[in-house]
Amino acid sequence: AERHPDYPYAYVALGRVWREIAQSRNDRVALSKALGALEGAVGSDNSSEALTLFGRALLLAQDDATAERILQDATTKKPVEPLAYFYLADAAERLGHYPVARQALLDYAVLRGDDDEPRRRSAEAARLGDLSLKMQEPAAAATYFLKAADHSASDATLLARAADAQLRAGDRNAARATITNALEKDPNNPLALALARRLIPARHR
């Protein structure tokens, strides 16, 4: 960077190194250096990669509003850095922009392609379920929680959360079936038992 100050990618690389140091060591000085390097870099290198790195550093600095704006810009550049969508979801969720966060996660999954790690797929689907509940879309949330459970067969809690979402959506029959499935996997699951108690009177009406 000292020998070629007009070469912007040198500052992108520096920013990447300083951000990784800042994150691993919780080092505010390194974070300040990362922000300085990346802010200078994006002035002349507005690639998706550079903008994504800058957005990640801003998230680390808890400047969520600026991070969201920068990461949205990163998703418009070609070739797009897939992680721009992943971190855009983080920024948007922190700000309560749940539709933006959910769509960003969906876009990230499309760009990333199939993930063969069941635990990661389950966690991503559960996060989509959480965002759907925050958007007051319980039917969509139930679908995502069921998908999460498919990738985590032993997790009765995800099935119970799906049943709770189905109940919120007004689909009692589906909720009963899902609760039954959850209790078969874990007869002592607290959420499933609580939901079962709520639905038992309905069976006898």
C-alpha atoms as a PDB file:
ATOM      1  CA  ALA A   1       0.000   0.000   0.000  1.00  0.00           C
ATOM      2  CA  GLU A   2       2.899   2.373   0.726  1.00  0.00           C
ATOM      3  CA  ARG A   3       4.612   1.596  -2.582  1.00  0.00           C
ATOM      4  CA  HIS A   4       1.411   1.712  -4.641  1.00  0.00           C
ATOM      5  CA  PRO A   5      -0.989   4.085  -2.854  1.00  0.00           C
ATOM      6  CA  ASP A   6      -3.235   4.315  -5.913  1.00  0.00           C
ATOM      7  CA  TYR A   7      -3.899   0.569  -5.956  1.00  0.00           C
ATOM      8  CA  PRO A   8      -7.212   0.238  -4.070  1.00  0.00           C
ATOM      9  CA  TYR A   9      -7.140  -3.532  -3.604  1.00  0.00           C
ATOM     10  CA  ALA A  10      -4.140  -3.205  -1.282  1.00  0.00           C
ATOM     11  CA  TYR A  11      -6.438  -1.350   1.124  1.00  0.00           C
ATOM     12  CA  VAL A  12      -9.154  -3.964   0.684  1.00  0.00           C
ATOM     13  CA  ALA A  13      -6.626  -6.629   1.697  1.00  0.00           C
ATOM     14  CA  LEU A  14      -5.432  -4.556   4.642  1.00  0.00           C
ATOM     15  CA  GLY A  15      -9.007  -3.977   5.723  1.00  0.00           C
ATOM     16  CA  ARG A  16      -9.720  -7.686   5.599  1.00  0.00           C
ATOM     17  CA  VAL A  17      -6.699  -8.497   7.797  1.00  0.00           C
ATOM     18  CA  TRP A  18      -7.461  -5.755  10.337  1.00  0.00           C
ATOM     19  CA  ARG A  19     -11.133  -6.758  10.537  1.00  0.00           C
ATOM     20  CA  GLU A  20     -10.210 -10.389  11.206  1.00  0.00           C
ATOM     21  CA  ILE A  21      -7.794  -9.290  13.934  1.00  0.00           C
ATOM     22  CA  ALA A  22     -10.453  -7.019  15.435  1.00  0.00           C
ATOM     23  CA  GLN A  23     -13.020  -9.801  15.513  1.00  0.00           C
ATOM     24  CA  SER A  24     -10.717 -12.500  16.876  1.00  0.00           C
ATOM     25  CA  ARG A  25      -9.218 -10.304  19.607  1.00  0.00           C
ATOM     26  CA  ASN A  26     -12.084  -7.868  20.241  1.00  0.00           C
ATOM     27  CA  ASP A  27      -9.537  -5.193  19.376  1.00  0.00           C
ATOM     28  CA  ARG A  28     -11.020  -1.714  18.920  1.00  0.00           C
ATOM     29  CA  VAL A  29      -7.755  -0.307  17.536  1.00  0.00           C
ATOM     30  CA  ALA A  30      -7.653  -2.988  14.839  1.00  0.00           C
ATOM     31  CA  LEU A  31     -11.310  -2.300  14.059  1.00  0.00           C
ATOM     32  CA  SER A  32     -10.576   1.404  13.637  1.00  0.00           C
ATOM     33  CA  LYS A  33      -7.742   0.543  11.248  1.00  0.00           C
ATOM     34  CA  ALA A  34     -10.022  -1.825   9.321  1.00  0.00           C
ATOM     35  CA  LEU A  35     -12.693   0.851   8.952  1.00  0.00           C
ATOM     36  CA  GLY A  36     -10.127   3.409   7.811  1.00  0.00           C
ATOM     37  CA  ALA A  37      -8.601   1.093   5.217  1.00  0.00           C
ATOM     38  CA  LEU A  38     -11.949  -0.093   3.862  1.00  0.00           C
ATOM     39  CA  GLU A  39     -13.552   3.339   3.803  1.00  0.00           C
ATOM     40  CA  GLY A  40     -10.624   4.548   1.712  1.00  0.00           C
ATOM     41  CA  ALA A  41     -10.792   1.482  -0.500  1.00  0.00           C
ATOM     42  CA  VAL A  42     -14.465   1.761  -1.416  1.00  0.00           C
ATOM     43  CA  GLY A  43     -13.888   5.293  -2.604  1.00  0.00           C
ATOM     44  CA  SER A  44     -12.077   3.877  -5.637  1.00  0.00           C
ATOM     45  CA  ASP A  45     -12.943   0.167  -5.499  1.00  0.00           C
ATOM     46  CA  ASN A  46     -16.700  -0.180  -5.098  1.00  0.00           C
ATOM     47  CA  SER A  47     -16.700  -3.873  -5.885  1.00  0.00           C
ATOM     48  CA  SER A  48     -19.113  -6.161  -4.091  1.00  0.00           C
ATOM     49  CA  GLU A  49     -16.197  -7.710  -2.190  1.00  0.00           C
ATOM     50  CA  ALA A  50     -14.891  -4.375  -0.925  1.00  0.00           C
ATOM     51  CA  LEU A  51     -18.349  -3.136   0.052  1.00  0.00           C
ATOM     52  CA  THR A  52     -19.136  -6.417   1.818  1.00  0.00           C
ATOM     53  CA  LEU A  53     -15.951  -6.216   3.871  1.00  0.00           C
ATOM     54  CA  PHE A  54     -16.734  -2.607   4.771  1.00  0.00           C
ATOM     55  CA  GLY A  55     -20.267  -3.579   5.770  1.00  0.00           C
ATOM     56  CA  ARG A  56     -18.964  -6.385   7.983  1.00  0.00           C
ATOM     57  CA  ALA A  57     -16.572  -4.004   9.710  1.00  0.00           C
ATOM     58  CA  LEU A  58     -19.422  -1.551  10.280  1.00  0.00           C
ATOM     59  CA  LEU A  59     -21.493  -4.349  11.817  1.00  0.00           C
ATOM     60  CA  LEU A  60     -18.602  -5.121  14.139  1.00  0.00           C
ATOM     61  CA  ALA A  61     -18.572  -1.418  15.083  1.00  0.00           C
ATOM     62  CA  GLN A  62     -22.349  -1.644  15.685  1.00  0.00           C
ATOM     63  CA  ASP A  63     -23.091   0.987  13.043  1.00  0.00           C
ATOM     64  CA  ASP A  64     -26.014  -1.072  11.801  1.00  0.00           C
ATOM     65  CA  ALA A  65     -27.767   1.577   9.720  1.00  0.00           C
ATOM     66  CA  THR A  66     -24.671   2.404   7.678  1.00  0.00           C
ATOM     67  CA  ALA A  67     -23.823  -1.288   7.405  1.00  0.00           C
ATOM     68  CA  GLU A  68     -27.255  -2.035   5.968  1.00  0.00           C
ATOM     69  CA  ARG A  69     -26.894   0.706   3.366  1.00  0.00           C
ATOM     70  CA  ILE A  70     -23.387  -0.409   2.345  1.00  0.00           C
ATOM     71  CA  LEU A  71     -24.375  -4.076   2.172  1.00  0.00           C
ATOM     72  CA  GLN A  72     -27.448  -3.288   0.082  1.00  0.00           C
ATOM     73  CA  ASP A  73     -25.107  -1.474  -2.296  1.00  0.00           C
ATOM     74  CA  ALA A  74     -22.830  -4.546  -2.299  1.00  0.00           C
ATOM     75  CA  THR A  75     -25.696  -6.736  -3.510  1.00  0.00           C
ATOM     76  CA  THR A  76     -26.130  -4.545  -6.599  1.00  0.00           C
ATOM     77  CA  LYS A  77     -22.551  -4.974  -7.861  1.00  0.00           C
ATOM     78  CA  LYS A  78     -21.564  -7.680 -10.313  1.00  0.00           C
ATOM     79  CA  PRO A  79     -20.101 -10.139  -9.676  1.00  0.00           C
ATOM     80  CA  VAL A  80     -21.919 -10.135  -6.366  1.00  0.00           C
ATOM     81  CA  GLU A  81     -20.291 -11.458  -3.216  1.00  0.00           C
ATOM     82  CA  PRO A  82     -22.826 -13.982  -1.801  1.00  0.00           C
ATOM     83  CA  LEU A  83     -21.876 -13.091   1.780  1.00  0.00           C
ATOM     84  CA  ALA A  84     -23.203  -9.584   1.135  1.00  0.00           C
ATOM     85  CA  TYR A  85     -26.700 -11.036   1.467  1.00  0.00           C
ATOM     86  CA  PHE A  86     -25.833 -12.983   4.614  1.00  0.00           C
ATOM     87  CA  TYR A  87     -24.531  -9.923   6.438  1.00  0.00           C
ATOM     88  CA  LEU A  88     -27.266  -7.707   5.019  1.00  0.00           C
ATOM     89  CA  ALA A  89     -29.684 -10.048   6.813  1.00  0.00           C
ATOM     90  CA  ASP A  90     -27.801  -9.452  10.069  1.00  0.00           C
ATOM     91  CA  ALA A  91     -27.891  -5.669   9.688  1.00  0.00           C
ATOM     92  CA  ALA A  92     -31.541  -5.584   8.656  1.00  0.00           C
ATOM     93  CA  GLU A  93     -32.623  -7.868  11.500  1.00  0.00           C
ATOM     94  CA  ARG A  94     -30.833  -5.711  14.049  1.00  0.00           C
ATOM     95  CA  LEU A  95     -32.728  -2.704  12.710  1.00  0.00           C
ATOM     96  CA  GLY A  96     -36.080  -4.498  12.739  1.00  0.00           C
ATOM     97  CA  HIS A  97     -36.288  -4.588   8.943  1.00  0.00           C
ATOM     98  CA  TYR A  98     -37.515  -8.165   8.954  1.00  0.00           C
ATOM     99  CA  PRO A  99     -38.762  -8.458   5.341  1.00  0.00           C
ATOM    100  CA  VAL A 100     -35.371  -7.238   4.092  1.00  0.00           C
ATOM    101  CA  ALA A 101     -33.585  -9.698   6.384  1.00  0.00           C
ATOM    102  CA  ARG A 102     -35.679 -12.671   5.287  1.00  0.00           C
ATOM    103  CA  GLN A 103     -35.313 -11.923   1.592  1.00  0.00           C
ATOM    104  CA  ALA A 104     -31.568 -11.459   2.007  1.00  0.00           C
ATOM    105  CA  LEU A 105     -31.275 -14.903   3.613  1.00  0.00           C
ATOM    106  CA  LEU A 106     -33.285 -16.462   0.818  1.00  0.00           C
ATOM    107  CA  ASP A 107     -31.113 -14.759  -1.798  1.00  0.00           C
ATOM    108  CA  TYR A 108     -27.983 -15.911   0.014  1.00  0.00           C
ATOM    109  CA  ALA A 109     -29.202 -19.516  -0.023  1.00  0.00           C
ATOM    110  CA  VAL A 110     -29.829 -19.322  -3.776  1.00  0.00           C
ATOM    111  CA  LEU A 111     -26.388 -17.905  -4.528  1.00  0.00           C
ATOM    112  CA  ARG A 112     -24.585 -20.241  -2.162  1.00  0.00           C
ATOM    113  CA  GLY A 113     -26.265 -23.348  -3.532  1.00  0.00           C
ATOM    114  CA  ASP A 114     -27.026 -26.546  -1.659  1.00  0.00           C
ATOM    115  CA  ASP A 115     -25.430 -26.912   1.740  1.00  0.00           C
ATOM    116  CA  ASP A 116     -24.823 -30.520   2.732  1.00  0.00           C
ATOM    117  CA  GLU A 117     -24.387 -29.697   6.428  1.00  0.00           C
ATOM    118  CA  PRO A 118     -27.749 -30.588   8.063  1.00  0.00           C
ATOM    119  CA  ARG A 119     -27.116 -28.556  11.198  1.00  0.00           C
ATOM    120  CA  ARG A 120     -26.443 -25.392   9.200  1.00  0.00           C
ATOM    121  CA  ARG A 121     -29.484 -25.938   6.990  1.00  0.00           C
ATOM    122  CA  SER A 122     -31.639 -26.473  10.064  1.00  0.00           C
ATOM    123  CA  ALA A 123     -30.350 -23.290  11.707  1.00  0.00           C
ATOM    124  CA  GLU A 124     -30.981 -21.236   8.566  1.00  0.00           C
ATOM    125  CA  ALA A 125     -34.537 -22.544   8.202  1.00  0.00           C
ATOM    126  CA  ALA A 126     -35.238 -21.866  11.884  1.00  0.00           C
ATOM    127  CA  ARG A 127     -33.964 -18.312  11.467  1.00  0.00           C
ATOM    128  CA  LEU A 128     -36.336 -17.822   8.536  1.00  0.00           C
ATOM    129  CA  GLY A 129     -39.106 -19.093  10.789  1.00  0.00           C
ATOM    130  CA  ASP A 130     -38.212 -16.583  13.488  1.00  0.00           C
ATOM    131  CA  LEU A 131     -38.196 -13.736  10.966  1.00  0.00           C
ATOM    132  CA  SER A 132     -41.572 -14.847   9.606  1.00  0.00           C
ATOM    133  CA  LEU A 133     -43.069 -14.734  13.106  1.00  0.00           C
ATOM    134  CA  LYS A 134     -41.692 -11.214  13.558  1.00  0.00           C
ATOM    135  CA  MET A 135     -43.421 -10.338  10.274  1.00  0.00           C
ATOM    136  CA  GLN A 136     -46.704 -11.724  11.656  1.00  0.00           C
ATOM    137  CA  GLU A 137     -46.706 -14.558   9.103  1.00  0.00           C
ATOM    138  CA  PRO A 138     -47.211 -17.673  11.261  1.00  0.00           C
ATOM    139  CA  ALA A 139     -48.166 -19.956   8.361  1.00  0.00           C
ATOM    140  CA  ALA A 140     -44.857 -19.214   6.634  1.00  0.00           C
ATOM    141  CA  ALA A 141     -43.054 -19.604   9.952  1.00  0.00           C
ATOM    142  CA  ALA A 142     -44.558 -23.070  10.419  1.00  0.00           C
ATOM    143  CA  THR A 143     -43.281 -24.130   7.000  1.00  0.00           C
ATOM    144  CA  TYR A 144     -39.757 -22.993   7.853  1.00  0.00           C
ATOM    145  CA  PHE A 145     -39.768 -24.656  11.293  1.00  0.00           C
ATOM    146  CA  LEU A 146     -40.920 -27.928   9.724  1.00  0.00           C
ATOM    147  CA  LYS A 147     -38.113 -27.642   7.191  1.00  0.00           C
ATOM    148  CA  ALA A 148     -35.671 -27.016  10.027  1.00  0.00           C
ATOM    149  CA  ALA A 149     -36.954 -30.125  11.795  1.00  0.00           C
ATOM    150  CA  ASP A 150     -36.425 -32.166   8.623  1.00  0.00           C
ATOM    151  CA  HIS A 151     -32.709 -31.422   8.882  1.00  0.00           C
ATOM    152  CA  SER A 152     -32.635 -32.062  12.622  1.00  0.00           C
ATOM    153  CA  ALA A 153     -34.743 -35.179  13.088  1.00  0.00           C
ATOM    154  CA  SER A 154     -34.152 -35.449  16.811  1.00  0.00           C
ATOM    155  CA  ASP A 155     -35.149 -31.870  17.625  1.00  0.00           C
ATOM    156  CA  ALA A 156     -38.688 -32.022  19.012  1.00  0.00           C
ATOM    157  CA  THR A 157     -38.480 -28.347  19.932  1.00  0.00           C
ATOM    158  CA  LEU A 158     -38.496 -27.333  16.264  1.00  0.00           C
ATOM    159  CA  LEU A 159     -41.608 -29.433  15.694  1.00  0.00           C
ATOM    160  CA  ALA A 160     -43.215 -27.838  18.742  1.00  0.00           C
ATOM    161  CA  ARG A 161     -42.371 -24.387  17.383  1.00  0.00           C
ATOM    162  CA  ALA A 162     -43.927 -25.379  14.060  1.00  0.00           C
ATOM    163  CA  ALA A 163     -47.064 -26.504  15.904  1.00  0.00           C
ATOM    164  CA  ASP A 164     -47.194 -23.224  17.806  1.00  0.00           C
ATOM    165  CA  ALA A 165     -46.970 -21.311  14.514  1.00  0.00           C
ATOM    166  CA  GLN A 166     -49.682 -23.505  12.982  1.00  0.00           C
ATOM    167  CA  LEU A 167     -51.885 -22.771  15.978  1.00  0.00           C
ATOM    168  CA  ARG A 168     -51.288 -19.033  15.600  1.00  0.00           C
ATOM    169  CA  ALA A 169     -52.251 -19.374  11.938  1.00  0.00           C
ATOM    170  CA  GLY A 170     -55.523 -21.017  12.985  1.00  0.00           C
ATOM    171  CA  ASP A 171     -54.741 -24.502  11.676  1.00  0.00           C
ATOM    172  CA  ARG A 172     -55.575 -26.594  14.747  1.00  0.00           C
ATOM    173  CA  ASN A 173     -55.644 -29.922  12.917  1.00  0.00           C
ATOM    174  CA  ALA A 174     -52.134 -29.448  11.569  1.00  0.00           C
ATOM    175  CA  ALA A 175     -50.981 -28.249  14.987  1.00  0.00           C
ATOM    176  CA  ARG A 176     -52.344 -31.390  16.685  1.00  0.00           C
ATOM    177  CA  ALA A 177     -50.577 -33.662  14.203  1.00  0.00           C
ATOM    178  CA  THR A 178     -47.292 -31.799  14.614  1.00  0.00           C
ATOM    179  CA  ILE A 179     -47.554 -31.845  18.409  1.00  0.00           C
ATOM    180  CA  THR A 180     -48.160 -35.590  18.306  1.00  0.00           C
ATOM    181  CA  ASN A 181     -45.031 -36.000  16.200  1.00  0.00           C
ATOM    182  CA  ALA A 182     -43.018 -33.823  18.598  1.00  0.00           C
ATOM    183  CA  LEU A 183     -44.159 -35.795  21.646  1.00  0.00           C
ATOM    184  CA  GLU A 184     -43.289 -39.072  19.947  1.00  0.00           C
ATOM    185  CA  LYS A 185     -39.738 -37.800  19.641  1.00  0.00           C
ATOM    186  CA  ASP A 186     -39.609 -36.286  23.117  1.00  0.00           C
ATOM    187  CA  PRO A 187     -42.539 -37.027  25.486  1.00  0.00           C
ATOM    188  CA  ASN A 188     -41.182 -34.514  27.998  1.00  0.00           C
ATOM    189  CA  ASN A 189     -40.713 -31.565  25.663  1.00  0.00           C
ATOM    190  CA  PRO A 190     -42.084 -28.570  27.625  1.00  0.00           C
ATOM    191  CA  LEU A 191     -43.370 -26.566  24.653  1.00  0.00           C
ATOM    192  CA  ALA A 192     -45.064 -29.564  23.048  1.00  0.00           C
ATOM    193  CA  LEU A 193     -46.719 -30.490  26.352  1.00  0.00           C
ATOM    194  CA  ALA A 194     -47.934 -26.921  26.879  1.00  0.00           C
ATOM    195  CA  LEU A 195     -49.413 -26.818  23.377  1.00  0.00           C
ATOM    196  CA  ALA A 196     -51.035 -30.224  23.872  1.00  0.00           C
ATOM    197  CA  ARG A 197     -52.760 -28.967  27.028  1.00  0.00           C
ATOM    198  CA  ARG A 198     -54.111 -25.987  25.110  1.00  0.00           C
ATOM    199  CA  LEU A 199     -55.553 -28.200  22.382  1.00  0.00           C
ATOM    200  CA  ILE A 200     -57.033 -31.024  24.493  1.00  0.00           C
ATOM    201  CA  PRO A 201     -60.278 -29.180  25.297  1.00  0.00           C
ATOM    202  CA  ALA A 202     -60.797 -28.510  21.595  1.00  0.00           C
ATOM    203  CA  ARG A 203     -60.886 -32.243  20.899  1.00  0.00           C
ATOM    204  CA  HIS A 204     -63.994 -32.673  23.009  1.00  0.00           C
ATOM    205  CA  ARG A 205     -66.024 -29.718  21.755  1.00  0.00           C
END
